[in-house]
Amino acid sequence: MQNTEFELRYGAVLIDPQGDAKKTATAANLTDELALYHLRTHPNCIKSFVRFPENWEQLALDSMQAEIKAVQQPAPEPAVSELPHTSVKDWFGGLLTAIINHFKK
């Protein structure tokens, strides 16, 4: 059992409503992050816990806002060294060929 502020009732199993098996929670694999995920997606599952922080609703809200911010972060631009080593001439030549072939149809 991991060190967490949450503890599930004996035999309780929380299943992800979207069907993600990785988010199934039991007493054996429960983490604070996993507990908060279930509490923000289905707050009534608080009944399945025998121990939880008094401010669990605020913690669930804060974790939801943090997840939203993480999703909204733009993906970093690839470094120039990560780009394929194709010359500009080859790239434009391939693009022009693709355009010409498209309009030939």
PDB file of N, CA and C in Angstrom:
ATOM      1  N   MET A   1       0.841  -1.179   0.000  1.00  0.00           N
ATOM      2  CA  MET A   1       0.000   0.000   0.000  1.00  0.00           C
ATOM      3  C   MET A   1       0.886   1.242   0.000  1.00  0.00           C
ATOM      4  N   GLN A   2       0.534   2.219  -0.775  1.00  0.00           N
ATOM      5  CA  GLN A   2       1.337   3.420  -0.903  1.00  0.00           C
ATOM      6  C   GLN A   2       0.932   4.445   0.149  1.00  0.00           C
ATOM      7  N   ASN A   3       1.826   5.382   0.425  1.00  0.00           N
ATOM      8  CA  ASN A   3       1.549   6.438   1.386  1.00  0.00           C
ATOM      9  C   ASN A   3       0.661   7.484   0.718  1.00  0.00           C
ATOM     10  N   THR A   4      -0.578   7.590   1.154  1.00  0.00           N
ATOM     11  CA  THR A   4      -1.532   8.489   0.535  1.00  0.00           C
ATOM     12  C   THR A   4      -2.443   9.080   1.603  1.00  0.00           C
ATOM     13  N   GLU A   5      -3.031  10.213   1.283  1.00  0.00           N
ATOM     14  CA  GLU A   5      -3.981  10.836   2.203  1.00  0.00           C
ATOM     15  C   GLU A   5      -5.354  10.182   2.109  1.00  0.00           C
ATOM     16  N   PHE A   6      -5.522   9.303   1.125  1.00  0.00           N
ATOM     17  CA  PHE A   6      -6.801   8.648   0.882  1.00  0.00           C
ATOM     18  C   PHE A   6      -6.682   7.160   1.181  1.00  0.00           C
ATOM     19  N   GLU A   7      -7.777   6.575   1.660  1.00  0.00           N
ATOM     20  CA  GLU A   7      -7.823   5.132   1.877  1.00  0.00           C
ATOM     21  C   GLU A   7      -9.196   4.625   1.452  1.00  0.00           C
ATOM     22  N   LEU A   8      -9.192   3.628   0.582  1.00  0.00           N
ATOM     23  CA  LEU A   8     -10.443   3.039   0.112  1.00  0.00           C
ATOM     24  C   LEU A   8     -10.982   2.042   1.131  1.00  0.00           C
ATOM     25  N   ARG A   9     -12.294   1.896   1.140  1.00  0.00           N
ATOM     26  CA  ARG A   9     -12.922   0.852   1.960  1.00  0.00           C
ATOM     27  C   ARG A   9     -12.407  -0.504   1.501  1.00  0.00           C
ATOM     28  N   TYR A  10     -12.382  -1.451   2.429  1.00  0.00           N
ATOM     29  CA  TYR A  10     -11.925  -2.798   2.109  1.00  0.00           C
ATOM     30  C   TYR A  10     -12.783  -3.369   0.983  1.00  0.00           C
ATOM     31  N   GLY A  11     -12.135  -3.844  -0.073  1.00  0.00           N
ATOM     32  CA  GLY A  11     -12.824  -4.459  -1.197  1.00  0.00           C
ATOM     33  C   GLY A  11     -13.361  -3.488  -2.237  1.00  0.00           C
ATOM     34  N   ALA A  12     -13.233  -2.185  -1.991  1.00  0.00           N
ATOM     35  CA  ALA A  12     -13.733  -1.193  -2.950  1.00  0.00           C
ATOM     36  C   ALA A  12     -12.839  -1.155  -4.184  1.00  0.00           C
ATOM     37  N   VAL A  13     -13.462  -1.006  -5.344  1.00  0.00           N
ATOM     38  CA  VAL A  13     -12.750  -0.867  -6.612  1.00  0.00           C
ATOM     39  C   VAL A  13     -13.388   0.291  -7.357  1.00  0.00           C
ATOM     40  N   LEU A  14     -12.577   1.243  -7.768  1.00  0.00           N
ATOM     41  CA  LEU A  14     -13.062   2.380  -8.561  1.00  0.00           C
ATOM     42  C   LEU A  14     -12.644   2.146 -10.004  1.00  0.00           C
ATOM     43  N   ILE A  15     -13.623   2.169 -10.905  1.00  0.00           N
ATOM     44  CA  ILE A  15     -13.383   1.910 -12.327  1.00  0.00           C
ATOM     45  C   ILE A  15     -13.584   3.198 -13.098  1.00  0.00           C
ATOM     46  N   ASP A  16     -12.679   3.471 -14.016  1.00  0.00           N
ATOM     47  CA  ASP A  16     -12.746   4.687 -14.830  1.00  0.00           C
ATOM     48  C   ASP A  16     -13.991   4.669 -15.714  1.00  0.00           C
ATOM     49  N   PRO A  17     -14.810   5.734 -15.682  1.00  0.00           N
ATOM     50  CA  PRO A  17     -16.003   5.775 -16.520  1.00  0.00           C
ATOM     51  C   PRO A  17     -15.694   5.741 -18.019  1.00  0.00           C
ATOM     52  N   GLN A  18     -14.485   6.160 -18.425  1.00  0.00           N
ATOM     53  CA  GLN A  18     -14.100   6.121 -19.836  1.00  0.00           C
ATOM     54  C   GLN A  18     -13.501   4.774 -20.216  1.00  0.00           C
ATOM     55  N   GLY A  19     -13.372   3.857 -19.266  1.00  0.00           N
ATOM     56  CA  GLY A  19     -12.895   2.523 -19.556  1.00  0.00           C
ATOM     57  C   GLY A  19     -11.387   2.346 -19.553  1.00  0.00           C
ATOM     58  N   ASP A  20     -10.637   3.314 -19.043  1.00  0.00           N
ATOM     59  CA  ASP A  20      -9.176   3.192 -18.996  1.00  0.00           C
ATOM     60  C   ASP A  20      -8.793   2.284 -17.828  1.00  0.00           C
ATOM     61  N   ALA A  21      -8.354   1.080 -18.134  1.00  0.00           N
ATOM     62  CA  ALA A  21      -8.016   0.104 -17.095  1.00  0.00           C
ATOM     63  C   ALA A  21      -6.869   0.574 -16.208  1.00  0.00           C
ATOM     64  N   LYS A  22      -5.999   1.433 -16.742  1.00  0.00           N
ATOM     65  CA  LYS A  22      -4.883   1.946 -15.952  1.00  0.00           C
ATOM     66  C   LYS A  22      -5.360   2.829 -14.806  1.00  0.00           C
ATOM     67  N   LYS A  23      -6.597   3.294 -14.890  1.00  0.00           N
ATOM     68  CA  LYS A  23      -7.128   4.180 -13.853  1.00  0.00           C
ATOM     69  C   LYS A  23      -8.049   3.448 -12.875  1.00  0.00           C
ATOM     70  N   THR A  24      -8.040   2.123 -12.925  1.00  0.00           N
ATOM     71  CA  THR A  24      -8.778   1.344 -11.941  1.00  0.00           C
ATOM     72  C   THR A  24      -8.052   1.482 -10.606  1.00  0.00           C
ATOM     73  N   ALA A  25      -8.794   1.796  -9.550  1.00  0.00           N
ATOM     74  CA  ALA A  25      -8.189   2.034  -8.249  1.00  0.00           C
ATOM     75  C   ALA A  25      -8.640   0.983  -7.242  1.00  0.00           C
ATOM     76  N   THR A  26      -7.680   0.443  -6.522  1.00  0.00           N
ATOM     77  CA  THR A  26      -7.940  -0.466  -5.414  1.00  0.00           C
ATOM     78  C   THR A  26      -7.088   0.014  -4.242  1.00  0.00           C
ATOM     79  N   ALA A  27      -7.256  -0.605  -3.102  1.00  0.00           N
ATOM     80  CA  ALA A  27      -6.440  -0.239  -1.939  1.00  0.00           C
ATOM     81  C   ALA A  27      -4.961  -0.482  -2.224  1.00  0.00           C
ATOM     82  N   ALA A  28      -4.668  -1.462  -3.064  1.00  0.00           N
ATOM     83  CA  ALA A  28      -3.278  -1.831  -3.343  1.00  0.00           C
ATOM     84  C   ALA A  28      -2.546  -0.825  -4.227  1.00  0.00           C
ATOM     85  N   ASN A  29      -3.259  -0.134  -5.128  1.00  0.00           N
ATOM     86  CA  ASN A  29      -2.561   0.764  -6.057  1.00  0.00           C
ATOM     87  C   ASN A  29      -2.974   2.230  -5.908  1.00  0.00           C
ATOM     88  N   LEU A  30      -3.752   2.548  -4.891  1.00  0.00           N
ATOM     89  CA  LEU A  30      -4.272   3.909  -4.739  1.00  0.00           C
ATOM     90  C   LEU A  30      -3.169   4.916  -4.458  1.00  0.00           C
ATOM     91  N   THR A  31      -3.182   6.002  -5.221  1.00  0.00           N
ATOM     92  CA  THR A  31      -2.310   7.147  -4.983  1.00  0.00           C
ATOM     93  C   THR A  31      -3.220   8.360  -4.818  1.00  0.00           C
ATOM     94  N   ASP A  32      -2.670   9.449  -4.300  1.00  0.00           N
ATOM     95  CA  ASP A  32      -3.471  10.670  -4.189  1.00  0.00           C
ATOM     96  C   ASP A  32      -3.961  11.107  -5.565  1.00  0.00           C
ATOM     97  N   GLU A  33      -3.092  11.031  -6.566  1.00  0.00           N
ATOM     98  CA  GLU A  33      -3.454  11.453  -7.924  1.00  0.00           C
ATOM     99  C   GLU A  33      -4.615  10.620  -8.464  1.00  0.00           C
ATOM    100  N   LEU A  34      -4.559   9.311  -8.246  1.00  0.00           N
ATOM    101  CA  LEU A  34      -5.615   8.428  -8.726  1.00  0.00           C
ATOM    102  C   LEU A  34      -6.925   8.672  -7.968  1.00  0.00           C
ATOM    103  N   ALA A  35      -6.832   8.880  -6.673  1.00  0.00           N
ATOM    104  CA  ALA A  35      -8.033   9.177  -5.879  1.00  0.00           C
ATOM    105  C   ALA A  35      -8.670  10.479  -6.354  1.00  0.00           C
ATOM    106  N   LEU A  36      -7.862  11.497  -6.570  1.00  0.00           N
ATOM    107  CA  LEU A  36      -8.401  12.797  -7.015  1.00  0.00           C
ATOM    108  C   LEU A  36      -8.992  12.699  -8.413  1.00  0.00           C
ATOM    109  N   TYR A  37      -8.411  11.884  -9.275  1.00  0.00           N
ATOM    110  CA  TYR A  37      -8.982  11.674 -10.608  1.00  0.00           C
ATOM    111  C   TYR A  37     -10.411  11.153 -10.465  1.00  0.00           C
ATOM    112  N   HIS A  38     -10.587  10.120  -9.653  1.00  0.00           N
ATOM    113  CA  HIS A  38     -11.919   9.536  -9.490  1.00  0.00           C
ATOM    114  C   HIS A  38     -12.872  10.505  -8.808  1.00  0.00           C
ATOM    115  N   LEU A  39     -12.391  11.275  -7.866  1.00  0.00           N
ATOM    116  CA  LEU A  39     -13.264  12.226  -7.161  1.00  0.00           C
ATOM    117  C   LEU A  39     -13.692  13.378  -8.055  1.00  0.00           C
ATOM    118  N   ARG A  40     -12.843  13.772  -8.997  1.00  0.00           N
ATOM    119  CA  ARG A  40     -13.259  14.868  -9.885  1.00  0.00           C
ATOM    120  C   ARG A  40     -14.147  14.373 -11.013  1.00  0.00           C
ATOM    121  N   THR A  41     -14.022  13.101 -11.396  1.00  0.00           N
ATOM    122  CA  THR A  41     -14.884  12.581 -12.442  1.00  0.00           C
ATOM    123  C   THR A  41     -16.205  12.063 -11.889  1.00  0.00           C
ATOM    124  N   HIS A  42     -16.211  11.659 -10.626  1.00  0.00           N
ATOM    125  CA  HIS A  42     -17.434  11.139 -10.002  1.00  0.00           C
ATOM    126  C   HIS A  42     -17.365  11.408  -8.488  1.00  0.00           C
ATOM    127  N   PRO A  43     -17.739  12.628  -8.066  1.00  0.00           N
ATOM    128  CA  PRO A  43     -17.605  13.010  -6.649  1.00  0.00           C
ATOM    129  C   PRO A  43     -18.323  12.085  -5.665  1.00  0.00           C
ATOM    130  N   ASN A  44     -19.377  11.412  -6.099  1.00  0.00           N
ATOM    131  CA  ASN A  44     -20.090  10.526  -5.174  1.00  0.00           C
ATOM    132  C   ASN A  44     -19.274   9.324  -4.733  1.00  0.00           C
ATOM    133  N   CYS A  45     -18.164   9.056  -5.418  1.00  0.00           N
ATOM    134  CA  CYS A  45     -17.348   7.915  -5.007  1.00  0.00           C
ATOM    135  C   CYS A  45     -16.620   8.205  -3.692  1.00  0.00           C
ATOM    136  N   ILE A  46     -16.777   9.399  -3.143  1.00  0.00           N
ATOM    137  CA  ILE A  46     -16.203   9.700  -1.829  1.00  0.00           C
ATOM    138  C   ILE A  46     -16.723   8.697  -0.804  1.00  0.00           C
ATOM    139  N   LYS A  47     -17.895   8.129  -1.054  1.00  0.00           N
ATOM    140  CA  LYS A  47     -18.486   7.129  -0.152  1.00  0.00           C
ATOM    141  C   LYS A  47     -17.640   5.861  -0.084  1.00  0.00           C
ATOM    142  N   SER A  48     -16.779   5.668  -1.079  1.00  0.00           N
ATOM    143  CA  SER A  48     -15.926   4.479  -1.109  1.00  0.00           C
ATOM    144  C   SER A  48     -14.656   4.638  -0.285  1.00  0.00           C
ATOM    145  N   PHE A  49     -14.434   5.821   0.272  1.00  0.00           N
ATOM    146  CA  PHE A  49     -13.219   6.088   1.041  1.00  0.00           C
ATOM    147  C   PHE A  49     -13.517   6.062   2.539  1.00  0.00           C
ATOM    148  N   VAL A  50     -12.607   5.484   3.299  1.00  0.00           N
ATOM    149  CA  VAL A  50     -12.726   5.517   4.759  1.00  0.00           C
ATOM    150  C   VAL A  50     -11.853   6.625   5.346  1.00  0.00           C
ATOM    151  N   ARG A  51     -10.876   7.064   4.575  1.00  0.00           N
ATOM    152  CA  ARG A  51     -10.021   8.169   5.023  1.00  0.00           C
ATOM    153  C   ARG A  51      -9.760   9.077   3.842  1.00  0.00           C
ATOM    154  N   PHE A  52      -9.931  10.388   4.081  1.00  0.00           N
ATOM    155  CA  PHE A  52      -9.694  11.396   3.051  1.00  0.00           C
ATOM    156  C   PHE A  52      -9.524  12.747   3.728  1.00  0.00           C
ATOM    157  N   PRO A  53      -8.813  13.684   3.081  1.00  0.00           N
ATOM    158  CA  PRO A  53      -8.626  15.013   3.668  1.00  0.00           C
ATOM    159  C   PRO A  53      -9.949  15.787   3.686  1.00  0.00           C
ATOM    160  N   GLU A  54     -10.089  16.658   4.654  1.00  0.00           N
ATOM    161  CA  GLU A  54     -11.312  17.474   4.750  1.00  0.00           C
ATOM    162  C   GLU A  54     -11.512  18.329   3.505  1.00  0.00           C
ATOM    163  N   ASN A  55     -10.426  18.767   2.899  1.00  0.00           N
ATOM    164  CA  ASN A  55     -10.513  19.661   1.737  1.00  0.00           C
ATOM    165  C   ASN A  55     -10.437  18.883   0.420  1.00  0.00           C
ATOM    166  N   TRP A  56     -10.934  17.652   0.378  1.00  0.00           N
ATOM    167  CA  TRP A  56     -10.827  16.814  -0.817  1.00  0.00           C
ATOM    168  C   TRP A  56     -11.479  17.457  -2.029  1.00  0.00           C
ATOM    169  N   GLU A  57     -12.574  18.210  -1.818  1.00  0.00           N
ATOM    170  CA  GLU A  57     -13.246  18.852  -2.962  1.00  0.00           C
ATOM    171  C   GLU A  57     -12.342  19.907  -3.600  1.00  0.00           C
ATOM    172  N   GLN A  58     -11.667  20.687  -2.771  1.00  0.00           N
ATOM    173  CA  GLN A  58     -10.749  21.704  -3.296  1.00  0.00           C
ATOM    174  C   GLN A  58      -9.551  21.045  -3.969  1.00  0.00           C
ATOM    175  N   LEU A  59      -9.048  19.971  -3.367  1.00  0.00           N
ATOM    176  CA  LEU A  59      -7.922  19.250  -3.974  1.00  0.00           C
ATOM    177  C   LEU A  59      -8.309  18.683  -5.338  1.00  0.00           C
ATOM    178  N   ALA A  60      -9.527  18.143  -5.456  1.00  0.00           N
ATOM    179  CA  ALA A  60      -9.993  17.604  -6.742  1.00  0.00           C
ATOM    180  C   ALA A  60     -10.106  18.722  -7.774  1.00  0.00           C
ATOM    181  N   LEU A  61     -10.641  19.876  -7.348  1.00  0.00           N
ATOM    182  CA  LEU A  61     -10.763  21.026  -8.254  1.00  0.00           C
ATOM    183  C   LEU A  61      -9.389  21.511  -8.695  1.00  0.00           C
ATOM    184  N   ASP A  62      -8.463  21.614  -7.756  1.00  0.00           N
ATOM    185  CA  ASP A  62      -7.105  22.063  -8.090  1.00  0.00           C
ATOM    186  C   ASP A  62      -6.431  21.098  -9.064  1.00  0.00           C
ATOM    187  N   SER A  63      -6.631  19.794  -8.865  1.00  0.00           N
ATOM    188  CA  SER A  63      -5.996  18.826  -9.768  1.00  0.00           C
ATOM    189  C   SER A  63      -6.620  18.900 -11.154  1.00  0.00           C
ATOM    190  N   MET A  64      -7.914  19.203 -11.236  1.00  0.00           N
ATOM    191  CA  MET A  64      -8.569  19.351 -12.537  1.00  0.00           C
ATOM    192  C   MET A  64      -8.017  20.579 -13.263  1.00  0.00           C
ATOM    193  N   GLN A  65      -7.854  21.673 -12.532  1.00  0.00           N
ATOM    194  CA  GLN A  65      -7.324  22.886 -13.151  1.00  0.00           C
ATOM    195  C   GLN A  65      -5.887  22.670 -13.622  1.00  0.00           C
ATOM    196  N   ALA A  66      -5.095  21.937 -12.850  1.00  0.00           N
ATOM    197  CA  ALA A  66      -3.717  21.652 -13.256  1.00  0.00           C
ATOM    198  C   ALA A  66      -3.695  20.785 -14.517  1.00  0.00           C
ATOM    199  N   GLU A  67      -4.615  19.830 -14.612  1.00  0.00           N
ATOM    200  CA  GLU A  67      -4.677  18.977 -15.808  1.00  0.00           C
ATOM    201  C   GLU A  67      -5.084  19.793 -17.023  1.00  0.00           C
ATOM    202  N   ILE A  68      -6.016  20.707 -16.850  1.00  0.00           N
ATOM    203  CA  ILE A  68      -6.454  21.569 -17.960  1.00  0.00           C
ATOM    204  C   ILE A  68      -5.293  22.431 -18.445  1.00  0.00           C
ATOM    205  N   LYS A  69      -4.540  23.005 -17.508  1.00  0.00           N
ATOM    206  CA  LYS A  69      -3.393  23.827 -17.887  1.00  0.00           C
ATOM    207  C   LYS A  69      -2.357  23.007 -18.641  1.00  0.00           C
ATOM    208  N   ALA A  70      -2.134  21.771 -18.195  1.00  0.00           N
ATOM    209  CA  ALA A  70      -1.146  20.914 -18.855  1.00  0.00           C
ATOM    210  C   ALA A  70      -1.580  20.589 -20.273  1.00  0.00           C
ATOM    211  N   VAL A  71      -2.863  20.377 -20.486  1.00  0.00           N
ATOM    212  CA  VAL A  71      -3.374  20.068 -21.820  1.00  0.00           C
ATOM    213  C   VAL A  71      -3.288  21.290 -22.720  1.00  0.00           C
ATOM    214  N   GLN A  72      -3.472  22.467 -22.151  1.00  0.00           N
ATOM    215  CA  GLN A  72      -3.480  23.698 -22.940  1.00  0.00           C
ATOM    216  C   GLN A  72      -2.082  24.171 -23.317  1.00  0.00           C
ATOM    217  N   GLN A  73      -1.047  23.612 -22.701  1.00  0.00           N
ATOM    218  CA  GLN A  73       0.315  24.021 -23.028  1.00  0.00           C
ATOM    219  C   GLN A  73       0.629  23.602 -24.456  1.00  0.00           C
ATOM    220  N   PRO A  74       1.117  24.514 -25.273  1.00  0.00           N
ATOM    221  CA  PRO A  74       1.465  24.132 -26.646  1.00  0.00           C
ATOM    222  C   PRO A  74       2.645  23.164 -26.639  1.00  0.00           C
ATOM    223  N   ALA A  75       2.641  22.288 -27.594  1.00  0.00           N
ATOM    224  CA  ALA A  75       3.751  21.342 -27.729  1.00  0.00           C
ATOM    225  C   ALA A  75       5.004  22.116 -28.107  1.00  0.00           C
ATOM    226  N   PRO A  76       6.131  21.761 -27.535  1.00  0.00           N
ATOM    227  CA  PRO A  76       7.366  22.479 -27.878  1.00  0.00           C
ATOM    228  C   PRO A  76       7.738  22.247 -29.336  1.00  0.00           C
ATOM    229  N   GLU A  77       8.291  23.274 -29.946  1.00  0.00           N
ATOM    230  CA  GLU A  77       8.756  23.170 -31.327  1.00  0.00           C
ATOM    231  C   GLU A  77       9.964  22.236 -31.350  1.00  0.00           C
ATOM    232  N   PRO A  78      10.067  21.385 -32.350  1.00  0.00           N
ATOM    233  CA  PRO A  78      11.236  20.499 -32.403  1.00  0.00           C
ATOM    234  C   PRO A  78      12.495  21.314 -32.666  1.00  0.00           C
ATOM    235  N   ALA A  79      13.572  20.878 -32.083  1.00  0.00           N
ATOM    236  CA  ALA A  79      14.853  21.537 -32.323  1.00  0.00           C
ATOM    237  C   ALA A  79      15.246  21.291 -33.774  1.00  0.00           C
ATOM    238  N   VAL A  80      16.006  22.213 -34.323  1.00  0.00           N
ATOM    239  CA  VAL A  80      16.422  22.099 -35.717  1.00  0.00           C
ATOM    240  C   VAL A  80      17.126  20.764 -35.947  1.00  0.00           C
ATOM    241  N   SER A  81      17.883  20.300 -34.956  1.00  0.00           N
ATOM    242  CA  SER A  81      18.608  19.044 -35.127  1.00  0.00           C
ATOM    243  C   SER A  81      17.662  17.849 -35.194  1.00  0.00           C
ATOM    244  N   GLU A  82      16.391  18.000 -34.724  1.00  0.00           N
ATOM    245  CA  GLU A  82      15.426  16.910 -34.760  1.00  0.00           C
ATOM    246  C   GLU A  82      14.661  16.857 -36.082  1.00  0.00           C
ATOM    247  N   LEU A  83      14.787  17.891 -36.902  1.00  0.00           N
ATOM    248  CA  LEU A  83      14.079  17.915 -38.174  1.00  0.00           C
ATOM    249  C   LEU A  83      14.773  17.000 -39.169  1.00  0.00           C
ATOM    250  N   PRO A  84      14.024  16.436 -40.103  1.00  0.00           N
ATOM    251  CA  PRO A  84      14.663  15.580 -41.104  1.00  0.00           C
ATOM    252  C   PRO A  84      15.692  16.369 -41.907  1.00  0.00           C
ATOM    253  N   HIS A  85      16.747  15.698 -42.289  1.00  0.00           N
ATOM    254  CA  HIS A  85      17.821  16.367 -43.027  1.00  0.00           C
ATOM    255  C   HIS A  85      17.512  16.350 -44.525  1.00  0.00           C
ATOM    256  N   THR A  86      16.502  17.094 -44.905  1.00  0.00           N
ATOM    257  CA  THR A  86      16.104  17.230 -46.298  1.00  0.00           C
ATOM    258  C   THR A  86      16.382  18.665 -46.700  1.00  0.00           C
ATOM    259  N   SER A  87      16.979  18.827 -47.854  1.00  0.00           N
ATOM    260  CA  SER A  87      17.257  20.190 -48.292  1.00  0.00           C
ATOM    261  C   SER A  87      15.944  20.876 -48.654  1.00  0.00           C
ATOM    262  N   VAL A  88      15.948  22.179 -48.625  1.00  0.00           N
ATOM    263  CA  VAL A  88      14.760  22.954 -48.975  1.00  0.00           C
ATOM    264  C   VAL A  88      14.353  22.649 -50.408  1.00  0.00           C
ATOM    265  N   LYS A  89      15.336  22.528 -51.295  1.00  0.00           N
ATOM    266  CA  LYS A  89      15.049  22.225 -52.693  1.00  0.00           C
ATOM    267  C   LYS A  89      14.318  20.879 -52.813  1.00  0.00           C
ATOM    268  N   ASP A  90      14.787  19.859 -52.110  1.00  0.00           N
ATOM    269  CA  ASP A  90      14.138  18.551 -52.140  1.00  0.00           C
ATOM    270  C   ASP A  90      12.728  18.628 -51.562  1.00  0.00           C
ATOM    271  N   TRP A  91      12.584  19.378 -50.500  1.00  0.00           N
ATOM    272  CA  TRP A  91      11.270  19.489 -49.851  1.00  0.00           C
ATOM    273  C   TRP A  91      10.271  20.146 -50.796  1.00  0.00           C
ATOM    274  N   PHE A  92      10.652  21.278 -51.379  1.00  0.00           N
ATOM    275  CA  PHE A  92       9.749  21.961 -52.310  1.00  0.00           C
ATOM    276  C   PHE A  92       9.505  21.124 -53.566  1.00  0.00           C
ATOM    277  N   GLY A  93      10.541  20.419 -54.026  1.00  0.00           N
ATOM    278  CA  GLY A  93      10.366  19.550 -55.191  1.00  0.00           C
ATOM    279  C   GLY A  93       9.341  18.466 -54.905  1.00  0.00           C
ATOM    280  N   GLY A  94       9.403  17.866 -53.707  1.00  0.00           N
ATOM    281  CA  GLY A  94       8.431  16.855 -53.319  1.00  0.00           C
ATOM    282  C   GLY A  94       7.041  17.433 -53.176  1.00  0.00           C
ATOM    283  N   LEU A  95       6.956  18.645 -52.653  1.00  0.00           N
ATOM    284  CA  LEU A  95       5.665  19.316 -52.496  1.00  0.00           C
ATOM    285  C   LEU A  95       5.058  19.611 -53.860  1.00  0.00           C
ATOM    286  N   LEU A  96       5.854  20.151 -54.770  1.00  0.00           N
ATOM    287  CA  LEU A  96       5.352  20.452 -56.113  1.00  0.00           C
ATOM    288  C   LEU A  96       4.902  19.175 -56.828  1.00  0.00           C
ATOM    289  N   THR A  97       5.641  18.110 -56.690  1.00  0.00           N
ATOM    290  CA  THR A  97       5.263  16.838 -57.309  1.00  0.00           C
ATOM    291  C   THR A  97       3.932  16.358 -56.751  1.00  0.00           C
ATOM    292  N   ALA A  98       3.754  16.470 -55.445  1.00  0.00           N
ATOM    293  CA  ALA A  98       2.503  16.039 -54.819  1.00  0.00           C
ATOM    294  C   ALA A  98       1.328  16.880 -55.309  1.00  0.00           C
ATOM    295  N   ILE A  99       1.537  18.184 -55.455  1.00  0.00           N
ATOM    296  CA  ILE A  99       0.465  19.074 -55.925  1.00  0.00           C
ATOM    297  C   ILE A  99       0.115  18.747 -57.379  1.00  0.00           C
ATOM    298  N   ILE A 100       1.124  18.584 -58.216  1.00  0.00           N
ATOM    299  CA  ILE A 100       0.885  18.261 -59.631  1.00  0.00           C
ATOM    300  C   ILE A 100       0.150  16.933 -59.764  1.00  0.00           C
ATOM    301  N   ASN A 101       0.578  15.932 -59.004  1.00  0.00           N
ATOM    302  CA  ASN A 101      -0.077  14.630 -59.064  1.00  0.00           C
ATOM    303  C   ASN A 101      -1.513  14.695 -58.570  1.00  0.00           C
ATOM    304  N   HIS A 102      -1.762  15.547 -57.599  1.00  0.00           N
ATOM    305  CA  HIS A 102      -3.115  15.701 -57.074  1.00  0.00           C
ATOM    306  C   HIS A 102      -4.058  16.250 -58.150  1.00  0.00           C
ATOM    307  N   PHE A 103      -3.588  17.230 -58.903  1.00  0.00           N
ATOM    308  CA  PHE A 103      -4.449  17.870 -59.905  1.00  0.00           C
ATOM    309  C   PHE A 103      -4.517  17.079 -61.221  1.00  0.00           C
ATOM    310  N   LYS A 104      -3.647  16.101 -61.396  1.00  0.00           N
ATOM    311  CA  LYS A 104      -3.679  15.266 -62.585  1.00  0.00           C
ATOM    312  C   LYS A 104      -4.857  14.273 -62.533  1.00  0.00           C
ATOM    313  N   LYS A 105      -5.341  14.023 -61.327  1.00  0.00           N
ATOM    314  CA  LYS A 105      -6.430  13.033 -61.165  1.00  0.00           C
ATOM    315  C   LYS A 105      -7.681  13.435 -61.836  1.00  0.00           C
TER     316      LYS A 105
END
